[in-house]
Amino acid sequence: MRKYRTPSLSGIFGLAFGPACSVPALYWMRYKTSYDSFYPDAGHIYRIYAVDKQSGKVNELIPGIVEKKMHE
């Protein structure tokens, strides 16, 4: 390790940085996929939103027609 300090430190840093980033990401993903699991039919819950093509903004308010069609 003394002879090749830079590659050794780079490898150690990489091995420490990988789990340090992946563990919080996995916890966040677990939270995002399970926060509505207490509902009886959680597999049938969907989120609908529209994205404006020109501005790229997300519009979460959908028209009532779409909502009625989803219930059919």
PDB file of N, CA and C in Angstrom:
ATOM      1  N   MET A   1       0.824  -1.202   0.000  1.00  0.00           N
ATOM      2  CA  MET A   1       0.000   0.000   0.000  1.00  0.00           C
ATOM      3  C   MET A   1       0.862   1.257   0.000  1.00  0.00           C
ATOM      4  N   ARG A   2       2.032   1.164   0.594  1.00  0.00           N
ATOM      5  CA  ARG A   2       2.883   2.353   0.632  1.00  0.00           C
ATOM      6  C   ARG A   2       3.448   2.679  -0.740  1.00  0.00           C
ATOM      7  N   LYS A   3       3.744   1.649  -1.487  1.00  0.00           N
ATOM      8  CA  LYS A   3       4.349   1.870  -2.795  1.00  0.00           C
ATOM      9  C   LYS A   3       3.334   2.464  -3.776  1.00  0.00           C
ATOM     10  N   TYR A   4       2.105   1.979  -3.729  1.00  0.00           N
ATOM     11  CA  TYR A   4       1.067   2.451  -4.650  1.00  0.00           C
ATOM     12  C   TYR A   4      -0.043   3.146  -3.852  1.00  0.00           C
ATOM     13  N   ARG A   5       0.280   4.302  -3.303  1.00  0.00           N
ATOM     14  CA  ARG A   5      -0.653   5.007  -2.432  1.00  0.00           C
ATOM     15  C   ARG A   5      -1.901   5.484  -3.163  1.00  0.00           C
ATOM     16  N   THR A   6      -1.732   6.105  -4.283  1.00  0.00           N
ATOM     17  CA  THR A   6      -2.877   6.677  -5.000  1.00  0.00           C
ATOM     18  C   THR A   6      -3.865   5.599  -5.447  1.00  0.00           C
ATOM     19  N   PRO A   7      -3.441   4.538  -6.097  1.00  0.00           N
ATOM     20  CA  PRO A   7      -4.417   3.494  -6.449  1.00  0.00           C
ATOM     21  C   PRO A   7      -5.045   2.826  -5.221  1.00  0.00           C
ATOM     22  N   SER A   8      -4.260   2.666  -4.161  1.00  0.00           N
ATOM     23  CA  SER A   8      -4.802   2.046  -2.950  1.00  0.00           C
ATOM     24  C   SER A   8      -5.864   2.931  -2.312  1.00  0.00           C
ATOM     25  N   LEU A   9      -5.570   4.211  -2.182  1.00  0.00           N
ATOM     26  CA  LEU A   9      -6.545   5.132  -1.592  1.00  0.00           C
ATOM     27  C   LEU A   9      -7.775   5.272  -2.479  1.00  0.00           C
ATOM     28  N   SER A  10      -7.565   5.243  -3.765  1.00  0.00           N
ATOM     29  CA  SER A  10      -8.693   5.309  -4.691  1.00  0.00           C
ATOM     30  C   SER A  10      -9.598   4.086  -4.540  1.00  0.00           C
ATOM     31  N   GLY A  11      -9.016   2.923  -4.416  1.00  0.00           N
ATOM     32  CA  GLY A  11      -9.791   1.700  -4.233  1.00  0.00           C
ATOM     33  C   GLY A  11     -10.530   1.683  -2.904  1.00  0.00           C
ATOM     34  N   ILE A  12      -9.859   2.091  -1.845  1.00  0.00           N
ATOM     35  CA  ILE A  12     -10.488   2.134  -0.525  1.00  0.00           C
ATOM     36  C   ILE A  12     -11.628   3.145  -0.518  1.00  0.00           C
ATOM     37  N   PHE A  13     -11.390   4.309  -1.105  1.00  0.00           N
ATOM     38  CA  PHE A  13     -12.428   5.329  -1.177  1.00  0.00           C
ATOM     39  C   PHE A  13     -13.621   4.833  -1.983  1.00  0.00           C
ATOM     40  N   GLY A  14     -13.361   4.141  -3.078  1.00  0.00           N
ATOM     41  CA  GLY A  14     -14.444   3.609  -3.901  1.00  0.00           C
ATOM     42  C   GLY A  14     -15.246   2.556  -3.176  1.00  0.00           C
ATOM     43  N   LEU A  15     -14.566   1.687  -2.433  1.00  0.00           N
ATOM     44  CA  LEU A  15     -15.256   0.654  -1.670  1.00  0.00           C
ATOM     45  C   LEU A  15     -16.060   1.241  -0.510  1.00  0.00           C
ATOM     46  N   ALA A  16     -15.639   2.369   0.026  1.00  0.00           N
ATOM     47  CA  ALA A  16     -16.393   3.014   1.098  1.00  0.00           C
ATOM     48  C   ALA A  16     -17.530   3.864   0.541  1.00  0.00           C
ATOM     49  N   PHE A  17     -17.308   4.483  -0.598  1.00  0.00           N
ATOM     50  CA  PHE A  17     -18.301   5.383  -1.180  1.00  0.00           C
ATOM     51  C   PHE A  17     -19.491   4.618  -1.749  1.00  0.00           C
ATOM     52  N   GLY A  18     -19.263   3.458  -2.318  1.00  0.00           N
ATOM     53  CA  GLY A  18     -20.347   2.667  -2.908  1.00  0.00           C
ATOM     54  C   GLY A  18     -21.422   2.305  -1.905  1.00  0.00           C
ATOM     55  N   PRO A  19     -21.095   1.617  -0.822  1.00  0.00           N
ATOM     56  CA  PRO A  19     -22.124   1.295   0.169  1.00  0.00           C
ATOM     57  C   PRO A  19     -22.692   2.529   0.863  1.00  0.00           C
ATOM     58  N   ALA A  20     -21.867   3.561   1.037  1.00  0.00           N
ATOM     59  CA  ALA A  20     -22.357   4.775   1.697  1.00  0.00           C
ATOM     60  C   ALA A  20     -23.449   5.453   0.870  1.00  0.00           C
ATOM     61  N   CYS A  21     -23.435   5.286  -0.433  1.00  0.00           N
ATOM     62  CA  CYS A  21     -24.480   5.855  -1.291  1.00  0.00           C
ATOM     63  C   CYS A  21     -25.611   4.877  -1.546  1.00  0.00           C
ATOM     64  N   SER A  22     -25.313   3.609  -1.648  1.00  0.00           N
ATOM     65  CA  SER A  22     -26.350   2.647  -2.006  1.00  0.00           C
ATOM     66  C   SER A  22     -27.279   2.317  -0.848  1.00  0.00           C
ATOM     67  N   VAL A  23     -26.792   2.297   0.380  1.00  0.00           N
ATOM     68  CA  VAL A  23     -27.658   1.971   1.520  1.00  0.00           C
ATOM     69  C   VAL A  23     -28.750   3.016   1.701  1.00  0.00           C
ATOM     70  N   PRO A  24     -28.464   4.321   1.733  1.00  0.00           N
ATOM     71  CA  PRO A  24     -29.567   5.288   1.826  1.00  0.00           C
ATOM     72  C   PRO A  24     -30.490   5.241   0.611  1.00  0.00           C
ATOM     73  N   ALA A  25     -29.949   4.966  -0.559  1.00  0.00           N
ATOM     74  CA  ALA A  25     -30.796   4.875  -1.753  1.00  0.00           C
ATOM     75  C   ALA A  25     -31.758   3.696  -1.641  1.00  0.00           C
ATOM     76  N   LEU A  26     -31.295   2.575  -1.120  1.00  0.00           N
ATOM     77  CA  LEU A  26     -32.166   1.416  -0.941  1.00  0.00           C
ATOM     78  C   LEU A  26     -33.242   1.681   0.106  1.00  0.00           C
ATOM     79  N   TYR A  27     -32.889   2.363   1.199  1.00  0.00           N
ATOM     80  CA  TYR A  27     -33.900   2.728   2.197  1.00  0.00           C
ATOM     81  C   TYR A  27     -34.941   3.669   1.616  1.00  0.00           C
ATOM     82  N   TRP A  28     -34.501   4.642   0.807  1.00  0.00           N
ATOM     83  CA  TRP A  28     -35.430   5.583   0.181  1.00  0.00           C
ATOM     84  C   TRP A  28     -36.352   4.856  -0.788  1.00  0.00           C
ATOM     85  N   MET A  29     -35.818   3.930  -1.559  1.00  0.00           N
ATOM     86  CA  MET A  29     -36.634   3.174  -2.509  1.00  0.00           C
ATOM     87  C   MET A  29     -37.636   2.284  -1.772  1.00  0.00           C
ATOM     88  N   ARG A  30     -37.213   1.690  -0.668  1.00  0.00           N
ATOM     89  CA  ARG A  30     -38.130   0.866   0.123  1.00  0.00           C
ATOM     90  C   ARG A  30     -39.264   1.707   0.678  1.00  0.00           C
ATOM     91  N   TYR A  31     -38.959   2.920   1.135  1.00  0.00           N
ATOM     92  CA  TYR A  31     -39.992   3.808   1.656  1.00  0.00           C
ATOM     93  C   TYR A  31     -40.965   4.214   0.557  1.00  0.00           C
ATOM     94  N   LYS A  32     -40.451   4.577  -0.589  1.00  0.00           N
ATOM     95  CA  LYS A  32     -41.298   5.049  -1.685  1.00  0.00           C
ATOM     96  C   LYS A  32     -42.204   3.953  -2.232  1.00  0.00           C
ATOM     97  N   THR A  33     -41.791   2.709  -2.164  1.00  0.00           N
ATOM     98  CA  THR A  33     -42.605   1.626  -2.703  1.00  0.00           C
ATOM     99  C   THR A  33     -43.519   1.001  -1.660  1.00  0.00           C
ATOM    100  N   SER A  34     -43.422   1.415  -0.390  1.00  0.00           N
ATOM    101  CA  SER A  34     -44.241   0.767   0.634  1.00  0.00           C
ATOM    102  C   SER A  34     -45.099   1.718   1.448  1.00  0.00           C
ATOM    103  N   TYR A  35     -45.127   3.012   1.148  1.00  0.00           N
ATOM    104  CA  TYR A  35     -45.857   3.926   2.026  1.00  0.00           C
ATOM    105  C   TYR A  35     -47.370   3.798   1.904  1.00  0.00           C
ATOM    106  N   ASP A  36     -47.897   3.159   0.882  1.00  0.00           N
ATOM    107  CA  ASP A  36     -49.341   2.959   0.780  1.00  0.00           C
ATOM    108  C   ASP A  36     -49.723   1.480   0.872  1.00  0.00           C
ATOM    109  N   SER A  37     -48.849   0.677   1.428  1.00  0.00           N
ATOM    110  CA  SER A  37     -49.104  -0.761   1.468  1.00  0.00           C
ATOM    111  C   SER A  37     -50.100  -1.168   2.550  1.00  0.00           C
ATOM    112  N   PHE A  38     -50.531  -0.242   3.417  1.00  0.00           N
ATOM    113  CA  PHE A  38     -51.485  -0.602   4.446  1.00  0.00           C
ATOM    114  C   PHE A  38     -52.914  -0.664   3.916  1.00  0.00           C
ATOM    115  N   TYR A  39     -53.145  -0.192   2.697  1.00  0.00           N
ATOM    116  CA  TYR A  39     -54.470  -0.305   2.092  1.00  0.00           C
ATOM    117  C   TYR A  39     -54.716  -1.750   1.668  1.00  0.00           C
ATOM    118  N   PRO A  40     -55.968  -2.225   1.762  1.00  0.00           N
ATOM    119  CA  PRO A  40     -56.239  -3.619   1.387  1.00  0.00           C
ATOM    120  C   PRO A  40     -55.896  -3.945  -0.068  1.00  0.00           C
ATOM    121  N   ASP A  41     -56.214  -3.058  -0.992  1.00  0.00           N
ATOM    122  CA  ASP A  41     -55.922  -3.283  -2.415  1.00  0.00           C
ATOM    123  C   ASP A  41     -54.784  -2.373  -2.872  1.00  0.00           C
ATOM    124  N   ALA A  42     -53.666  -2.418  -2.176  1.00  0.00           N
ATOM    125  CA  ALA A  42     -52.549  -1.519  -2.476  1.00  0.00           C
ATOM    126  C   ALA A  42     -51.986  -1.749  -3.878  1.00  0.00           C
ATOM    127  N   GLY A  43     -52.144  -2.940  -4.415  1.00  0.00           N
ATOM    128  CA  GLY A  43     -51.643  -3.216  -5.757  1.00  0.00           C
ATOM    129  C   GLY A  43     -52.450  -2.545  -6.852  1.00  0.00           C
ATOM    130  N   HIS A  44     -53.615  -2.027  -6.509  1.00  0.00           N
ATOM    131  CA  HIS A  44     -54.490  -1.392  -7.486  1.00  0.00           C
ATOM    132  C   HIS A  44     -54.512   0.132  -7.337  1.00  0.00           C
ATOM    133  N   ILE A  45     -53.559   0.703  -6.640  1.00  0.00           N
ATOM    134  CA  ILE A  45     -53.471   2.151  -6.477  1.00  0.00           C
ATOM    135  C   ILE A  45     -52.493   2.690  -7.506  1.00  0.00           C
ATOM    136  N   TYR A  46     -52.939   3.671  -8.269  1.00  0.00           N
ATOM    137  CA  TYR A  46     -52.103   4.264  -9.313  1.00  0.00           C
ATOM    138  C   TYR A  46     -52.090   5.770  -9.151  1.00  0.00           C
ATOM    139  N   ARG A  47     -51.041   6.387  -9.608  1.00  0.00           N
ATOM    140  CA  ARG A  47     -50.935   7.842  -9.602  1.00  0.00           C
ATOM    141  C   ARG A  47     -50.905   8.297 -11.047  1.00  0.00           C
ATOM    142  N   ILE A  48     -51.804   9.208 -11.378  1.00  0.00           N
ATOM    143  CA  ILE A  48     -51.908   9.702 -12.747  1.00  0.00           C
ATOM    144  C   ILE A  48     -51.525  11.171 -12.751  1.00  0.00           C
ATOM    145  N   TYR A  49     -50.684  11.534 -13.684  1.00  0.00           N
ATOM    146  CA  TYR A  49     -50.318  12.932 -13.855  1.00  0.00           C
ATOM    147  C   TYR A  49     -50.004  13.185 -15.314  1.00  0.00           C
ATOM    148  N   ALA A  50     -50.008  14.443 -15.670  1.00  0.00           N
ATOM    149  CA  ALA A  50     -49.730  14.834 -17.051  1.00  0.00           C
ATOM    150  C   ALA A  50     -48.456  15.674 -17.082  1.00  0.00           C
ATOM    151  N   VAL A  51     -47.690  15.530 -18.153  1.00  0.00           N
ATOM    152  CA  VAL A  51     -46.467  16.313 -18.332  1.00  0.00           C
ATOM    153  C   VAL A  51     -46.651  17.194 -19.558  1.00  0.00           C
ATOM    154  N   ASP A  52     -46.471  18.497 -19.379  1.00  0.00           N
ATOM    155  CA  ASP A  52     -46.587  19.441 -20.490  1.00  0.00           C
ATOM    156  C   ASP A  52     -45.398  19.254 -21.424  1.00  0.00           C
ATOM    157  N   LYS A  53     -45.651  19.069 -22.702  1.00  0.00           N
ATOM    158  CA  LYS A  53     -44.577  18.786 -23.662  1.00  0.00           C
ATOM    159  C   LYS A  53     -43.647  19.980 -23.866  1.00  0.00           C
ATOM    160  N   GLN A  54     -44.185  21.194 -23.825  1.00  0.00           N
ATOM    161  CA  GLN A  54     -43.351  22.358 -24.104  1.00  0.00           C
ATOM    162  C   GLN A  54     -42.506  22.773 -22.907  1.00  0.00           C
ATOM    163  N   SER A  55     -43.121  22.850 -21.734  1.00  0.00           N
ATOM    164  CA  SER A  55     -42.380  23.334 -20.569  1.00  0.00           C
ATOM    165  C   SER A  55     -41.783  22.211 -19.733  1.00  0.00           C
ATOM    166  N   GLY A  56     -42.340  21.005 -19.841  1.00  0.00           N
ATOM    167  CA  GLY A  56     -41.854  19.885 -19.050  1.00  0.00           C
ATOM    168  C   GLY A  56     -42.388  19.861 -17.634  1.00  0.00           C
ATOM    169  N   LYS A  57     -43.345  20.753 -17.337  1.00  0.00           N
ATOM    170  CA  LYS A  57     -43.901  20.814 -15.989  1.00  0.00           C
ATOM    171  C   LYS A  57     -44.890  19.670 -15.777  1.00  0.00           C
ATOM    172  N   VAL A  58     -44.939  19.189 -14.551  1.00  0.00           N
ATOM    173  CA  VAL A  58     -45.846  18.102 -14.186  1.00  0.00           C
ATOM    174  C   VAL A  58     -47.135  18.707 -13.644  1.00  0.00           C
ATOM    175  N   ASN A  59     -48.264  18.263 -14.209  1.00  0.00           N
ATOM    176  CA  ASN A  59     -49.571  18.714 -13.760  1.00  0.00           C
ATOM    177  C   ASN A  59     -50.262  17.534 -13.098  1.00  0.00           C
ATOM    178  N   GLU A  60     -50.441  17.603 -11.781  1.00  0.00           N
ATOM    179  CA  GLU A  60     -51.052  16.499 -11.052  1.00  0.00           C
ATOM    180  C   GLU A  60     -52.572  16.594 -11.037  1.00  0.00           C
ATOM    181  N   LEU A  61     -53.132  17.699 -11.480  1.00  0.00           N
ATOM    182  CA  LEU A  61     -54.584  17.847 -11.530  1.00  0.00           C
ATOM    183  C   LEU A  61     -55.070  17.310 -12.875  1.00  0.00           C
ATOM    184  N   ILE A  62     -55.803  16.211 -12.828  1.00  0.00           N
ATOM    185  CA  ILE A  62     -56.293  15.613 -14.065  1.00  0.00           C
ATOM    186  C   ILE A  62     -57.768  15.941 -14.229  1.00  0.00           C
ATOM    187  N   PRO A  63     -58.269  15.992 -15.440  1.00  0.00           N
ATOM    188  CA  PRO A  63     -59.684  16.272 -15.651  1.00  0.00           C
ATOM    189  C   PRO A  63     -60.566  15.167 -15.087  1.00  0.00           C
ATOM    190  N   GLY A  64     -61.798  15.530 -14.754  1.00  0.00           N
ATOM    191  CA  GLY A  64     -62.743  14.580 -14.211  1.00  0.00           C
ATOM    192  C   GLY A  64     -63.086  13.470 -15.179  1.00  0.00           C
ATOM    193  N   ILE A  65     -62.985  13.752 -16.481  1.00  0.00           N
ATOM    194  CA  ILE A  65     -63.295  12.729 -17.495  1.00  0.00           C
ATOM    195  C   ILE A  65     -62.322  11.559 -17.376  1.00  0.00           C
ATOM    196  N   VAL A  66     -61.058  11.855 -17.172  1.00  0.00           N
ATOM    197  CA  VAL A  66     -60.055  10.799 -17.040  1.00  0.00           C
ATOM    198  C   VAL A  66     -60.335   9.976 -15.787  1.00  0.00           C
ATOM    199  N   GLU A  67     -60.701  10.660 -14.720  1.00  0.00           N
ATOM    200  CA  GLU A  67     -60.993   9.948 -13.478  1.00  0.00           C
ATOM    201  C   GLU A  67     -62.191   9.022 -13.639  1.00  0.00           C
ATOM    202  N   LYS A  68     -63.224   9.490 -14.328  1.00  0.00           N
ATOM    203  CA  LYS A  68     -64.414   8.661 -14.540  1.00  0.00           C
ATOM    204  C   LYS A  68     -64.080   7.455 -15.426  1.00  0.00           C
ATOM    205  N   LYS A  69     -63.248   7.653 -16.449  1.00  0.00           N
ATOM    206  CA  LYS A  69     -62.863   6.548 -17.327  1.00  0.00           C
ATOM    207  C   LYS A  69     -62.018   5.510 -16.586  1.00  0.00           C
ATOM    208  N   MET A  70     -61.235   5.942 -15.622  1.00  0.00           N
ATOM    209  CA  MET A  70     -60.404   5.012 -14.865  1.00  0.00           C
ATOM    210  C   MET A  70     -61.264   4.109 -13.971  1.00  0.00           C
ATOM    211  N   HIS A  71     -62.394   4.621 -13.510  1.00  0.00           N
ATOM    212  CA  HIS A  71     -63.265   3.820 -12.643  1.00  0.00           C
ATOM    213  C   HIS A  71     -64.094   2.827 -13.418  1.00  0.00           C
ATOM    214  N   GLU A  72     -64.190   2.954 -14.712  1.00  0.00           N
ATOM    215  CA  GLU A  72     -65.003   2.022 -15.530  1.00  0.00           C
ATOM    216  C   GLU A  72     -64.332   0.700 -15.722  1.00  0.00           C
TER     217      GLU A  72
END
